[in-house]
């Protein structure tokens, strides 16, 4: 829900959505139109449809939905999603950012993630000549995100959350608050 939607808006919808669909099984059992109706007002309805497709794929196919090659791979409806970004990306509607976010925040795995705020922070700090919206530069920004990750999963959770918050609250698109920034001393774009 948080992709391209403000936290304040999501806070209204998230509890209602979870009350209606508390598990993947509840979500998979619903009709697509019910899921889209519960999502109404958040926009980007493909996210709701993809979440519905994902729930059905996971419950129908289990580990085979994310490419488990074992023919005897069975799935328990209570089993979790895969915890590795490369496996998460095999599920419907999961891209690089979502895979990294789920792996990091749900499973405390070491995984890079780059959203608009993170891209802004990384480019300002390390590579001011890169442009986050330019496709050829996006690969370099992801490489920076990967290179700056701590070695373990739990610190990666903190690291990724801090980058997101830094971009949302301090190093914003409109205002660079360099005097408040904890990395201004090493930032290549810092206004000293």
C-alpha atoms as a PDB file:
ATOM      1  CA  UNK A   1       0.000   0.000   0.000  1.00  0.00           C
ATOM      2  CA  UNK A   2       2.869   2.355   0.691  1.00  0.00           C
ATOM      3  CA  UNK A   3       4.169   2.307  -2.862  1.00  0.00           C
ATOM      4  CA  UNK A   4       3.495   5.786  -4.224  1.00  0.00           C
ATOM      5  CA  UNK A   5       1.014   6.489  -1.426  1.00  0.00           C
ATOM      6  CA  UNK A   6       1.581   8.643   1.644  1.00  0.00           C
ATOM      7  CA  UNK A   7       1.755   6.948   5.027  1.00  0.00           C
ATOM      8  CA  UNK A   8      -1.076   9.092   6.406  1.00  0.00           C
ATOM      9  CA  UNK A   9      -3.376   7.810   3.668  1.00  0.00           C
ATOM     10  CA  UNK A  10      -2.370   4.175   4.165  1.00  0.00           C
ATOM     11  CA  UNK A  11      -3.005   4.409   7.903  1.00  0.00           C
ATOM     12  CA  UNK A  12      -6.705   4.855   7.132  1.00  0.00           C
ATOM     13  CA  UNK A  13      -6.906   1.824   4.818  1.00  0.00           C
ATOM     14  CA  UNK A  14      -4.494  -0.741   6.224  1.00  0.00           C
ATOM     15  CA  UNK A  15      -6.498  -1.750   9.341  1.00  0.00           C
ATOM     16  CA  UNK A  16      -9.723  -2.077   7.326  1.00  0.00           C
ATOM     17  CA  UNK A  17      -7.981  -4.101   4.615  1.00  0.00           C
ATOM     18  CA  UNK A  18      -6.442  -6.465   7.178  1.00  0.00           C
ATOM     19  CA  UNK A  19      -9.749  -6.810   9.007  1.00  0.00           C
ATOM     20  CA  UNK A  20     -11.348  -7.882   5.721  1.00  0.00           C
ATOM     21  CA  UNK A  21      -8.413 -10.067   4.576  1.00  0.00           C
ATOM     22  CA  UNK A  22      -6.420 -11.121   7.668  1.00  0.00           C
ATOM     23  CA  UNK A  23      -4.508 -13.911   5.881  1.00  0.00           C
ATOM     24  CA  UNK A  24      -3.372 -14.853   2.393  1.00  0.00           C
ATOM     25  CA  UNK A  25      -6.052 -17.543   2.469  1.00  0.00           C
ATOM     26  CA  UNK A  26      -8.777 -14.932   3.046  1.00  0.00           C
ATOM     27  CA  UNK A  27      -7.376 -12.792   0.253  1.00  0.00           C
ATOM     28  CA  UNK A  28      -7.078 -15.731  -2.154  1.00  0.00           C
ATOM     29  CA  UNK A  29     -10.629 -16.819  -1.363  1.00  0.00           C
ATOM     30  CA  UNK A  30     -12.097 -13.454  -2.283  1.00  0.00           C
ATOM     31  CA  UNK A  31     -13.196 -12.345  -5.706  1.00  0.00           C
ATOM     32  CA  UNK A  32     -10.925  -9.817  -7.399  1.00  0.00           C
ATOM     33  CA  UNK A  33     -13.683  -7.208  -7.379  1.00  0.00           C
ATOM     34  CA  UNK A  34     -13.922  -7.510  -3.550  1.00  0.00           C
ATOM     35  CA  UNK A  35     -10.192  -6.892  -3.211  1.00  0.00           C
ATOM     36  CA  UNK A  36     -10.312  -3.891  -5.555  1.00  0.00           C
ATOM     37  CA  UNK A  37     -13.329  -2.520  -3.663  1.00  0.00           C
ATOM     38  CA  UNK A  38     -11.455  -2.791  -0.332  1.00  0.00           C
ATOM     39  CA  UNK A  39      -8.527  -0.976  -1.997  1.00  0.00           C
ATOM     40  CA  UNK A  40     -10.756   1.808  -3.377  1.00  0.00           C
ATOM     41  CA  UNK A  41      -9.364   5.249  -2.700  1.00  0.00           C
ATOM     42  CA  UNK A  42      -5.687   4.229  -2.679  1.00  0.00           C
ATOM     43  CA  UNK A  43      -5.268   4.332  -6.445  1.00  0.00           C
ATOM     44  CA  UNK A  44      -2.894   2.206  -8.518  1.00  0.00           C
ATOM     45  CA  UNK A  45      -5.383  -0.664  -8.561  1.00  0.00           C
ATOM     46  CA  UNK A  46      -2.912  -2.976 -10.277  1.00  0.00           C
ATOM     47  CA  UNK A  47      -1.301  -3.322  -6.835  1.00  0.00           C
ATOM     48  CA  UNK A  48      -4.532  -4.784  -5.435  1.00  0.00           C
ATOM     49  CA  UNK A  49      -4.986  -7.103  -8.401  1.00  0.00           C
ATOM     50  CA  UNK A  50      -1.374  -8.273  -8.184  1.00  0.00           C
ATOM     51  CA  UNK A  51      -1.650  -8.894  -4.438  1.00  0.00           C
ATOM     52  CA  UNK A  52      -4.730 -10.997  -5.134  1.00  0.00           C
ATOM     53  CA  UNK A  53      -2.914 -12.952  -7.879  1.00  0.00           C
ATOM     54  CA  UNK A  54       0.043 -13.473  -5.572  1.00  0.00           C
ATOM     55  CA  UNK A  55      -2.145 -14.860  -2.776  1.00  0.00           C
ATOM     56  CA  UNK A  56      -3.793 -17.294  -5.155  1.00  0.00           C
ATOM     57  CA  UNK A  57      -0.488 -18.423  -6.671  1.00  0.00           C
ATOM     58  CA  UNK A  58       1.084 -19.004  -3.261  1.00  0.00           C
ATOM     59  CA  UNK A  59      -1.892 -20.915  -1.912  1.00  0.00           C
ATOM     60  CA  UNK A  60      -2.471 -22.891  -5.112  1.00  0.00           C
ATOM     61  CA  UNK A  61       1.128 -23.725  -5.971  1.00  0.00           C
ATOM     62  CA  UNK A  62       3.029 -23.208  -2.734  1.00  0.00           C
ATOM     63  CA  UNK A  63       6.802 -23.266  -3.205  1.00  0.00           C
ATOM     64  CA  UNK A  64       6.383 -24.049  -6.907  1.00  0.00           C
ATOM     65  CA  UNK A  65       4.941 -20.504  -7.291  1.00  0.00           C
ATOM     66  CA  UNK A  66       8.416 -19.121  -6.651  1.00  0.00           C
ATOM     67  CA  UNK A  67      10.243 -21.781  -8.604  1.00  0.00           C
ATOM     68  CA  UNK A  68      10.969 -24.570  -6.138  1.00  0.00           C
ATOM     69  CA  UNK A  69      12.040 -27.292  -8.577  1.00  0.00           C
ATOM     70  CA  UNK A  70      11.287 -30.233  -6.284  1.00  0.00           C
ATOM     71  CA  UNK A  71       8.328 -32.162  -7.688  1.00  0.00           C
ATOM     72  CA  UNK A  72       7.276 -33.127  -4.158  1.00  0.00           C
ATOM     73  CA  UNK A  73       7.329 -29.571  -2.852  1.00  0.00           C
ATOM     74  CA  UNK A  74       4.143 -29.227  -0.876  1.00  0.00           C
ATOM     75  CA  UNK A  75       2.616 -26.154   0.574  1.00  0.00           C
ATOM     76  CA  UNK A  76       0.977 -25.644   3.890  1.00  0.00           C
ATOM     77  CA  UNK A  77      -1.530 -22.774   3.786  1.00  0.00           C
ATOM     78  CA  UNK A  78       0.124 -21.355   6.889  1.00  0.00           C
ATOM     79  CA  UNK A  79       3.621 -21.445   5.404  1.00  0.00           C
ATOM     80  CA  UNK A  80       5.355 -18.123   4.870  1.00  0.00           C
ATOM     81  CA  UNK A  81       6.344 -16.490   1.639  1.00  0.00           C
ATOM     82  CA  UNK A  82       9.923 -17.058   0.529  1.00  0.00           C
ATOM     83  CA  UNK A  83      12.404 -14.838   2.336  1.00  0.00           C
ATOM     84  CA  UNK A  84      14.945 -14.317  -0.436  1.00  0.00           C
ATOM     85  CA  UNK A  85      14.529 -11.347  -2.815  1.00  0.00           C
ATOM     86  CA  UNK A  86      15.310 -13.438  -5.895  1.00  0.00           C
ATOM     87  CA  UNK A  87      12.529 -15.895  -4.987  1.00  0.00           C
ATOM     88  CA  UNK A  88      10.047 -13.164  -4.077  1.00  0.00           C
ATOM     89  CA  UNK A  89      10.569 -11.590  -7.522  1.00  0.00           C
ATOM     90  CA  UNK A  90       9.165 -14.730  -9.130  1.00  0.00           C
ATOM     91  CA  UNK A  91       5.751 -14.049  -7.600  1.00  0.00           C
ATOM     92  CA  UNK A  92       3.070 -12.028  -9.425  1.00  0.00           C
ATOM     93  CA  UNK A  93       3.413  -8.283  -8.986  1.00  0.00           C
ATOM     94  CA  UNK A  94       6.701  -8.376  -7.053  1.00  0.00           C
ATOM     95  CA  UNK A  95       9.432  -6.163  -8.466  1.00  0.00           C
ATOM     96  CA  UNK A  96      12.916  -5.387  -7.204  1.00  0.00           C
ATOM     97  CA  UNK A  97      11.843  -2.787  -4.638  1.00  0.00           C
ATOM     98  CA  UNK A  98       9.021  -4.865  -3.146  1.00  0.00           C
ATOM     99  CA  UNK A  99      11.213  -7.981  -3.024  1.00  0.00           C
ATOM    100  CA  UNK A 100      13.913  -6.055  -1.176  1.00  0.00           C
ATOM    101  CA  UNK A 101      11.424  -4.435   1.191  1.00  0.00           C
ATOM    102  CA  UNK A 102       9.666  -7.716   2.054  1.00  0.00           C
ATOM    103  CA  UNK A 103      12.952  -9.602   2.499  1.00  0.00           C
ATOM    104  CA  UNK A 104      14.368  -6.849   4.709  1.00  0.00           C
ATOM    105  CA  UNK A 105      11.372  -5.764   6.759  1.00  0.00           C
ATOM    106  CA  UNK A 106       9.439  -9.035   7.067  1.00  0.00           C
ATOM    107  CA  UNK A 107      12.333 -11.492   7.269  1.00  0.00           C
ATOM    108  CA  UNK A 108      15.314  -9.336   8.324  1.00  0.00           C
ATOM    109  CA  UNK A 109      17.293 -10.543   5.322  1.00  0.00           C
ATOM    110  CA  UNK A 110      20.182  -8.594   3.799  1.00  0.00           C
ATOM    111  CA  UNK A 111      18.543  -7.036   0.746  1.00  0.00           C
ATOM    112  CA  UNK A 112      18.898  -3.785  -1.128  1.00  0.00           C
ATOM    113  CA  UNK A 113      15.867  -1.659  -1.856  1.00  0.00           C
ATOM    114  CA  UNK A 114      15.617   1.538  -3.826  1.00  0.00           C
ATOM    115  CA  UNK A 115      12.549   3.747  -3.783  1.00  0.00           C
ATOM    116  CA  UNK A 116      12.394   7.426  -4.746  1.00  0.00           C
ATOM    117  CA  UNK A 117      13.660   8.615  -1.373  1.00  0.00           C
ATOM    118  CA  UNK A 118      16.498   6.094  -1.176  1.00  0.00           C
ATOM    119  CA  UNK A 119      17.590   6.879  -4.739  1.00  0.00           C
ATOM    120  CA  UNK A 120      17.697  10.591  -3.905  1.00  0.00           C
ATOM    121  CA  UNK A 121      19.816  10.037  -0.791  1.00  0.00           C
ATOM    122  CA  UNK A 122      22.220   7.617  -2.476  1.00  0.00           C
ATOM    123  CA  UNK A 123      22.776   9.827  -5.498  1.00  0.00           C
ATOM    124  CA  UNK A 124      23.239  12.999  -3.447  1.00  0.00           C
ATOM    125  CA  UNK A 125      25.657  11.319  -1.042  1.00  0.00           C
ATOM    126  CA  UNK A 126      27.681   9.136  -3.420  1.00  0.00           C
ATOM    127  CA  UNK A 127      27.008   9.995  -7.052  1.00  0.00           C
ATOM    128  CA  UNK A 128      25.459  13.419  -7.730  1.00  0.00           C
ATOM    129  CA  UNK A 129      25.848  12.991 -11.494  1.00  0.00           C
ATOM    130  CA  UNK A 130      23.484  10.036 -11.582  1.00  0.00           C
ATOM    131  CA  UNK A 131      19.801  10.696 -12.259  1.00  0.00           C
ATOM    132  CA  UNK A 132      17.389   8.281 -10.533  1.00  0.00           C
ATOM    133  CA  UNK A 133      14.846   8.498 -13.359  1.00  0.00           C
ATOM    134  CA  UNK A 134      17.375   7.727 -16.092  1.00  0.00           C
ATOM    135  CA  UNK A 135      17.239   3.976 -16.840  1.00  0.00           C
ATOM    136  CA  UNK A 136      20.975   3.648 -17.437  1.00  0.00           C
ATOM    137  CA  UNK A 137      21.693   5.188 -14.022  1.00  0.00           C
ATOM    138  CA  UNK A 138      19.232   3.029 -12.104  1.00  0.00           C
ATOM    139  CA  UNK A 139      21.509  -0.013 -12.292  1.00  0.00           C
ATOM    140  CA  UNK A 140      24.355   2.028 -10.766  1.00  0.00           C
ATOM    141  CA  UNK A 141      22.070   3.287  -7.977  1.00  0.00           C
ATOM    142  CA  UNK A 142      21.034  -0.290  -7.145  1.00  0.00           C
ATOM    143  CA  UNK A 143      24.713  -1.253  -7.070  1.00  0.00           C
ATOM    144  CA  UNK A 144      25.388   1.566  -4.573  1.00  0.00           C
ATOM    145  CA  UNK A 145      22.436   0.380  -2.462  1.00  0.00           C
ATOM    146  CA  UNK A 146      23.855  -3.149  -2.445  1.00  0.00           C
ATOM    147  CA  UNK A 147      27.409  -1.976  -1.700  1.00  0.00           C
ATOM    148  CA  UNK A 148      26.355   0.132   1.281  1.00  0.00           C
ATOM    149  CA  UNK A 149      24.331  -2.610   2.994  1.00  0.00           C
ATOM    150  CA  UNK A 150      25.579  -4.014   6.280  1.00  0.00           C
ATOM    151  CA  UNK A 151      26.732  -7.622   6.120  1.00  0.00           C
ATOM    152  CA  UNK A 152      23.845  -9.059   8.131  1.00  0.00           C
ATOM    153  CA  UNK A 153      20.074  -8.962   7.846  1.00  0.00           C
ATOM    154  CA  UNK A 154      19.029  -7.311  11.095  1.00  0.00           C
ATOM    155  CA  UNK A 155      21.359  -4.310  10.621  1.00  0.00           C
ATOM    156  CA  UNK A 156      20.116  -4.136   7.006  1.00  0.00           C
ATOM    157  CA  UNK A 157      16.596  -3.610   8.343  1.00  0.00           C
ATOM    158  CA  UNK A 158      17.800  -0.572  10.299  1.00  0.00           C
ATOM    159  CA  UNK A 159      19.966   0.672   7.430  1.00  0.00           C
ATOM    160  CA  UNK A 160      17.160   0.520   4.854  1.00  0.00           C
ATOM    161  CA  UNK A 161      14.645   2.098   7.203  1.00  0.00           C
ATOM    162  CA  UNK A 162      17.103   4.897   7.979  1.00  0.00           C
ATOM    163  CA  UNK A 163      17.718   5.597   4.271  1.00  0.00           C
ATOM    164  CA  UNK A 164      13.992   5.778   3.614  1.00  0.00           C
ATOM    165  CA  UNK A 165      13.403   8.096   6.584  1.00  0.00           C
ATOM    166  CA  UNK A 166      16.403  10.262   5.702  1.00  0.00           C
ATOM    167  CA  UNK A 167      14.977  10.795   2.217  1.00  0.00           C
ATOM    168  CA  UNK A 168      11.465  11.420   3.496  1.00  0.00           C
ATOM    169  CA  UNK A 169      12.305  13.799   6.340  1.00  0.00           C
ATOM    170  CA  UNK A 170      15.754  15.367   5.898  1.00  0.00           C
ATOM    171  CA  UNK A 171      17.081  15.002   2.371  1.00  0.00           C
ATOM    172  CA  UNK A 172      13.791  15.765   0.650  1.00  0.00           C
ATOM    173  CA  UNK A 173      13.141  16.517  -2.994  1.00  0.00           C
ATOM    174  CA  UNK A 174      12.360  20.159  -2.293  1.00  0.00           C
ATOM    175  CA  UNK A 175      14.636  20.956   0.634  1.00  0.00           C
ATOM    176  CA  UNK A 176      18.044  19.586   1.588  1.00  0.00           C
ATOM    177  CA  UNK A 177      18.427  19.982   5.344  1.00  0.00           C
ATOM    178  CA  UNK A 178      22.176  19.406   5.296  1.00  0.00           C
ATOM    179  CA  UNK A 179      22.660  20.887   8.767  1.00  0.00           C
ATOM    180  CA  UNK A 180      20.378  18.182  10.212  1.00  0.00           C
ATOM    181  CA  UNK A 181      21.772  15.344   8.134  1.00  0.00           C
ATOM    182  CA  UNK A 182      23.845  12.686   9.899  1.00  0.00           C
ATOM    183  CA  UNK A 183      25.895  11.998   6.739  1.00  0.00           C
ATOM    184  CA  UNK A 184      26.533  15.578   5.604  1.00  0.00           C
ATOM    185  CA  UNK A 185      30.257  15.203   6.372  1.00  0.00           C
ATOM    186  CA  UNK A 186      30.701  12.585   3.642  1.00  0.00           C
ATOM    187  CA  UNK A 187      27.979  13.767   1.267  1.00  0.00           C
ATOM    188  CA  UNK A 188      29.116  14.930  -2.142  1.00  0.00           C
ATOM    189  CA  UNK A 189      26.113  17.261  -2.427  1.00  0.00           C
ATOM    190  CA  UNK A 190      26.193  18.730   1.067  1.00  0.00           C
ATOM    191  CA  UNK A 191      25.698  22.462   1.389  1.00  0.00           C
ATOM    192  CA  UNK A 192      28.318  23.256   4.009  1.00  0.00           C
END
